[in-house]
């Protein structure tokens, strides 16, 4: 559940940053950094308990960032296809 929330929040933040001129090529990096921060904060507060090493944190963040980017791109492509 927390992974979904982190993914949605990171996508929203990146879209906000794009509106203030973040180059699109940096968006995946920013999503990954936000996912790392989100997972680390969740671990500190005890929400995510399956992370015991730095590599586990990075892999979980990479999974969240990848899923977020792929989902956003697919939804965007689907909406653009339906409107044209």
N, C-alpha and C. Protein backbone atom coordinates (compact mmCIF):
# COMPACT_ATOMS: atom_id res chain seq x y z
N UNK A 1 0.82 -1.20 0.00
CA UNK A 1 0.00 0.00 0.00
C UNK A 1 0.86 1.26 0.00
N UNK A 2 1.87 1.30 0.85
CA UNK A 2 2.72 2.48 0.92
C UNK A 2 3.48 2.69 -0.38
N UNK A 3 3.80 1.59 -1.07
CA UNK A 3 4.50 1.71 -2.34
C UNK A 3 3.64 2.45 -3.37
N UNK A 4 2.35 2.18 -3.36
CA UNK A 4 1.43 2.86 -4.27
C UNK A 4 1.37 4.35 -3.97
N UNK A 5 1.30 4.67 -2.69
CA UNK A 5 1.25 6.08 -2.28
C UNK A 5 2.53 6.80 -2.68
N UNK A 6 3.68 6.17 -2.46
CA UNK A 6 4.96 6.77 -2.84
C UNK A 6 5.01 6.98 -4.35
N UNK A 7 4.55 6.00 -5.12
CA UNK A 7 4.54 6.12 -6.58
C UNK A 7 3.66 7.26 -7.06
N UNK A 8 2.47 7.37 -6.49
CA UNK A 8 1.55 8.44 -6.90
C UNK A 8 2.11 9.80 -6.53
N UNK A 9 2.62 9.93 -5.32
CA UNK A 9 3.17 11.22 -4.89
C UNK A 9 4.39 11.61 -5.73
N UNK A 10 5.25 10.66 -6.03
CA UNK A 10 6.43 10.99 -6.84
C UNK A 10 6.02 11.40 -8.25
N UNK A 11 5.01 10.75 -8.82
CA UNK A 11 4.54 11.13 -10.16
C UNK A 11 3.95 12.53 -10.14
N UNK A 12 3.19 12.85 -9.10
CA UNK A 12 2.61 14.19 -8.99
C UNK A 12 3.69 15.25 -8.83
N UNK A 13 4.69 14.97 -8.02
CA UNK A 13 5.77 15.93 -7.81
C UNK A 13 6.54 16.16 -9.11
N UNK A 14 6.83 15.08 -9.83
CA UNK A 14 7.57 15.22 -11.09
C UNK A 14 6.75 16.01 -12.11
N UNK A 15 5.46 15.78 -12.19
CA UNK A 15 4.63 16.55 -13.11
C UNK A 15 4.61 18.03 -12.73
N UNK A 16 4.60 18.31 -11.44
CA UNK A 16 4.69 19.69 -10.99
C UNK A 16 6.03 20.32 -11.36
N UNK A 17 7.10 19.54 -11.21
CA UNK A 17 8.42 20.05 -11.59
C UNK A 17 8.53 20.27 -13.09
N UNK A 18 7.88 19.43 -13.88
CA UNK A 18 7.89 19.61 -15.33
C UNK A 18 7.22 20.93 -15.71
N UNK A 19 6.19 21.30 -14.96
CA UNK A 19 5.50 22.56 -15.25
C UNK A 19 6.36 23.76 -14.95
N UNK A 20 7.36 23.60 -14.06
CA UNK A 20 8.28 24.71 -13.78
C UNK A 20 9.63 24.46 -14.46
N UNK A 21 9.55 23.79 -15.63
CA UNK A 21 10.68 23.67 -16.56
C UNK A 21 11.73 22.61 -16.19
N UNK A 22 11.34 21.52 -15.55
CA UNK A 22 12.26 20.39 -15.40
C UNK A 22 12.35 19.69 -16.75
N UNK A 23 13.56 19.52 -17.30
CA UNK A 23 13.66 18.80 -18.57
C UNK A 23 13.13 17.37 -18.42
N UNK A 24 12.40 16.91 -19.42
CA UNK A 24 11.77 15.59 -19.38
C UNK A 24 12.79 14.47 -19.22
N UNK A 25 13.99 14.66 -19.74
CA UNK A 25 14.99 13.59 -19.66
C UNK A 25 15.44 13.33 -18.22
N UNK A 26 15.23 14.28 -17.31
CA UNK A 26 15.61 14.09 -15.91
C UNK A 26 14.48 13.51 -15.06
N UNK A 27 13.29 13.38 -15.60
CA UNK A 27 12.14 12.91 -14.85
C UNK A 27 12.35 11.52 -14.22
N UNK A 28 12.89 10.52 -14.95
CA UNK A 28 13.09 9.21 -14.31
C UNK A 28 14.07 9.25 -13.13
N UNK A 29 15.09 10.08 -13.24
CA UNK A 29 16.05 10.20 -12.15
C UNK A 29 15.39 10.81 -10.92
N UNK A 30 14.57 11.84 -11.16
CA UNK A 30 13.88 12.50 -10.05
C UNK A 30 12.88 11.54 -9.40
N UNK A 31 12.17 10.75 -10.20
CA UNK A 31 11.24 9.77 -9.65
C UNK A 31 11.98 8.76 -8.78
N UNK A 32 13.13 8.30 -9.24
CA UNK A 32 13.92 7.34 -8.45
C UNK A 32 14.38 7.97 -7.14
N UNK A 33 14.88 9.19 -7.19
CA UNK A 33 15.34 9.86 -5.97
C UNK A 33 14.18 10.06 -4.99
N UNK A 34 13.03 10.45 -5.51
CA UNK A 34 11.86 10.61 -4.64
C UNK A 34 11.41 9.28 -4.05
N UNK A 35 11.52 8.21 -4.83
CA UNK A 35 11.16 6.88 -4.32
C UNK A 35 12.12 6.45 -3.22
N UNK A 36 13.42 6.71 -3.39
CA UNK A 36 14.40 6.39 -2.35
C UNK A 36 14.07 7.14 -1.07
N UNK A 37 13.80 8.43 -1.21
CA UNK A 37 13.46 9.24 -0.03
C UNK A 37 12.18 8.73 0.62
N UNK A 38 11.17 8.43 -0.19
CA UNK A 38 9.90 7.94 0.35
C UNK A 38 10.04 6.62 1.08
N UNK A 39 10.79 5.69 0.50
CA UNK A 39 10.98 4.38 1.14
C UNK A 39 11.81 4.54 2.42
N UNK A 40 12.83 5.40 2.38
CA UNK A 40 13.64 5.62 3.57
C UNK A 40 12.81 6.22 4.70
N UNK A 41 11.96 7.17 4.38
CA UNK A 41 11.09 7.77 5.40
C UNK A 41 10.11 6.74 5.94
N UNK A 42 9.54 5.93 5.06
CA UNK A 42 8.62 4.88 5.51
C UNK A 42 9.34 3.88 6.42
N UNK A 43 10.59 3.58 6.11
CA UNK A 43 11.37 2.65 6.96
C UNK A 43 11.65 3.27 8.32
N UNK A 44 11.98 4.55 8.35
CA UNK A 44 12.26 5.22 9.62
C UNK A 44 11.02 5.22 10.51
N UNK A 45 9.86 5.42 9.93
CA UNK A 45 8.63 5.44 10.72
C UNK A 45 8.05 4.05 10.96
N UNK A 46 8.71 3.02 10.47
CA UNK A 46 8.28 1.65 10.73
C UNK A 46 7.16 1.15 9.85
N UNK A 47 6.84 1.87 8.80
CA UNK A 47 5.76 1.45 7.91
C UNK A 47 6.23 0.30 7.02
N UNK A 48 7.44 0.39 6.52
CA UNK A 48 8.04 -0.66 5.70
C UNK A 48 9.04 -1.40 6.57
N UNK A 49 8.79 -2.67 6.83
CA UNK A 49 9.66 -3.42 7.74
C UNK A 49 10.53 -4.45 7.05
N UNK A 50 10.33 -4.66 5.75
CA UNK A 50 11.10 -5.70 5.06
C UNK A 50 12.43 -5.19 4.50
N UNK A 51 12.80 -3.98 4.81
CA UNK A 51 14.06 -3.42 4.33
C UNK A 51 15.08 -3.45 5.46
N UNK A 52 16.16 -4.21 5.24
CA UNK A 52 17.20 -4.31 6.26
C UNK A 52 18.55 -3.82 5.76
N UNK A 53 18.70 -3.69 4.46
CA UNK A 53 19.98 -3.26 3.89
C UNK A 53 19.76 -2.12 2.91
N UNK A 54 20.84 -1.45 2.59
CA UNK A 54 20.77 -0.37 1.61
C UNK A 54 20.38 -0.90 0.24
N UNK A 55 20.88 -2.07 -0.12
CA UNK A 55 20.53 -2.63 -1.42
C UNK A 55 19.04 -2.96 -1.50
N UNK A 56 18.44 -3.42 -0.41
CA UNK A 56 17.01 -3.69 -0.40
C UNK A 56 16.22 -2.39 -0.59
N UNK A 57 16.69 -1.32 0.04
CA UNK A 57 16.04 -0.02 -0.12
C UNK A 57 16.12 0.45 -1.56
N UNK A 58 17.30 0.32 -2.17
CA UNK A 58 17.47 0.76 -3.55
C UNK A 58 16.65 -0.07 -4.52
N UNK A 59 16.58 -1.39 -4.31
CA UNK A 59 15.78 -2.24 -5.20
C UNK A 59 14.29 -1.93 -5.08
N UNK A 60 13.82 -1.69 -3.86
CA UNK A 60 12.41 -1.35 -3.67
C UNK A 60 12.11 0.00 -4.34
N UNK A 61 13.00 0.97 -4.16
CA UNK A 61 12.82 2.28 -4.79
C UNK A 61 12.87 2.17 -6.31
N UNK A 62 13.76 1.35 -6.83
CA UNK A 62 13.85 1.15 -8.27
C UNK A 62 12.57 0.53 -8.81
N UNK A 63 12.02 -0.42 -8.09
CA UNK A 63 10.75 -1.03 -8.50
C UNK A 63 9.61 -0.03 -8.50
N UNK A 64 9.54 0.80 -7.47
CA UNK A 64 8.50 1.82 -7.40
C UNK A 64 8.67 2.83 -8.54
N UNK A 65 9.89 3.28 -8.74
CA UNK A 65 10.15 4.27 -9.79
C UNK A 65 9.84 3.70 -11.17
N UNK A 66 10.24 2.47 -11.42
CA UNK A 66 9.95 1.84 -12.71
C UNK A 66 8.46 1.66 -12.95
N UNK A 67 7.77 1.19 -11.94
CA UNK A 67 6.32 1.01 -12.07
C UNK A 67 5.62 2.34 -12.26
N UNK A 68 6.07 3.36 -11.56
CA UNK A 68 5.47 4.68 -11.69
C UNK A 68 5.65 5.23 -13.09
N UNK A 69 6.88 5.16 -13.60
CA UNK A 69 7.17 5.70 -14.93
C UNK A 69 6.41 4.93 -16.01
N UNK A 70 6.41 3.60 -15.93
CA UNK A 70 5.72 2.81 -16.94
C UNK A 70 4.21 3.04 -16.91
N UNK A 71 3.65 3.08 -15.72
CA UNK A 71 2.21 3.29 -15.59
C UNK A 71 1.82 4.65 -16.13
N UNK A 72 2.59 5.68 -15.76
CA UNK A 72 2.28 7.03 -16.24
C UNK A 72 2.36 7.10 -17.76
N UNK A 73 3.41 6.52 -18.33
CA UNK A 73 3.58 6.56 -19.78
C UNK A 73 2.45 5.82 -20.50
N UNK A 74 2.03 4.68 -19.96
CA UNK A 74 0.97 3.90 -20.59
C UNK A 74 -0.37 4.61 -20.50
N UNK A 75 -0.66 5.20 -19.36
CA UNK A 75 -1.93 5.94 -19.22
C UNK A 75 -1.94 7.15 -20.14
N UNK A 76 -0.81 7.85 -20.21
CA UNK A 76 -0.71 9.01 -21.08
C UNK A 76 -0.91 8.60 -22.54
N UNK A 77 -0.28 7.52 -22.96
CA UNK A 77 -0.43 7.04 -24.34
C UNK A 77 -1.86 6.62 -24.63
N UNK A 78 -2.49 5.98 -23.67
CA UNK A 78 -3.87 5.54 -23.84
C UNK A 78 -4.81 6.73 -23.96
N UNK A 79 -4.61 7.74 -23.14
CA UNK A 79 -5.48 8.93 -23.19
C UNK A 79 -5.26 9.72 -24.47
N UNK A 80 -4.03 9.83 -24.93
CA UNK A 80 -3.76 10.55 -26.17
C UNK A 80 -4.35 9.79 -27.34
N UNK A 81 -4.28 8.46 -27.32
CA UNK A 81 -4.84 7.65 -28.40
C UNK A 81 -6.35 7.79 -28.45
N UNK A 82 -7.00 7.84 -27.30
CA UNK A 82 -8.46 7.94 -27.26
C UNK A 82 -8.96 9.31 -27.72
N UNK A 83 -8.17 10.37 -27.47
CA UNK A 83 -8.63 11.70 -27.82
C UNK A 83 -8.34 12.07 -29.27
N UNK A 84 -7.47 11.33 -29.92
CA UNK A 84 -7.18 11.65 -31.34
C UNK A 84 -7.91 10.76 -32.28
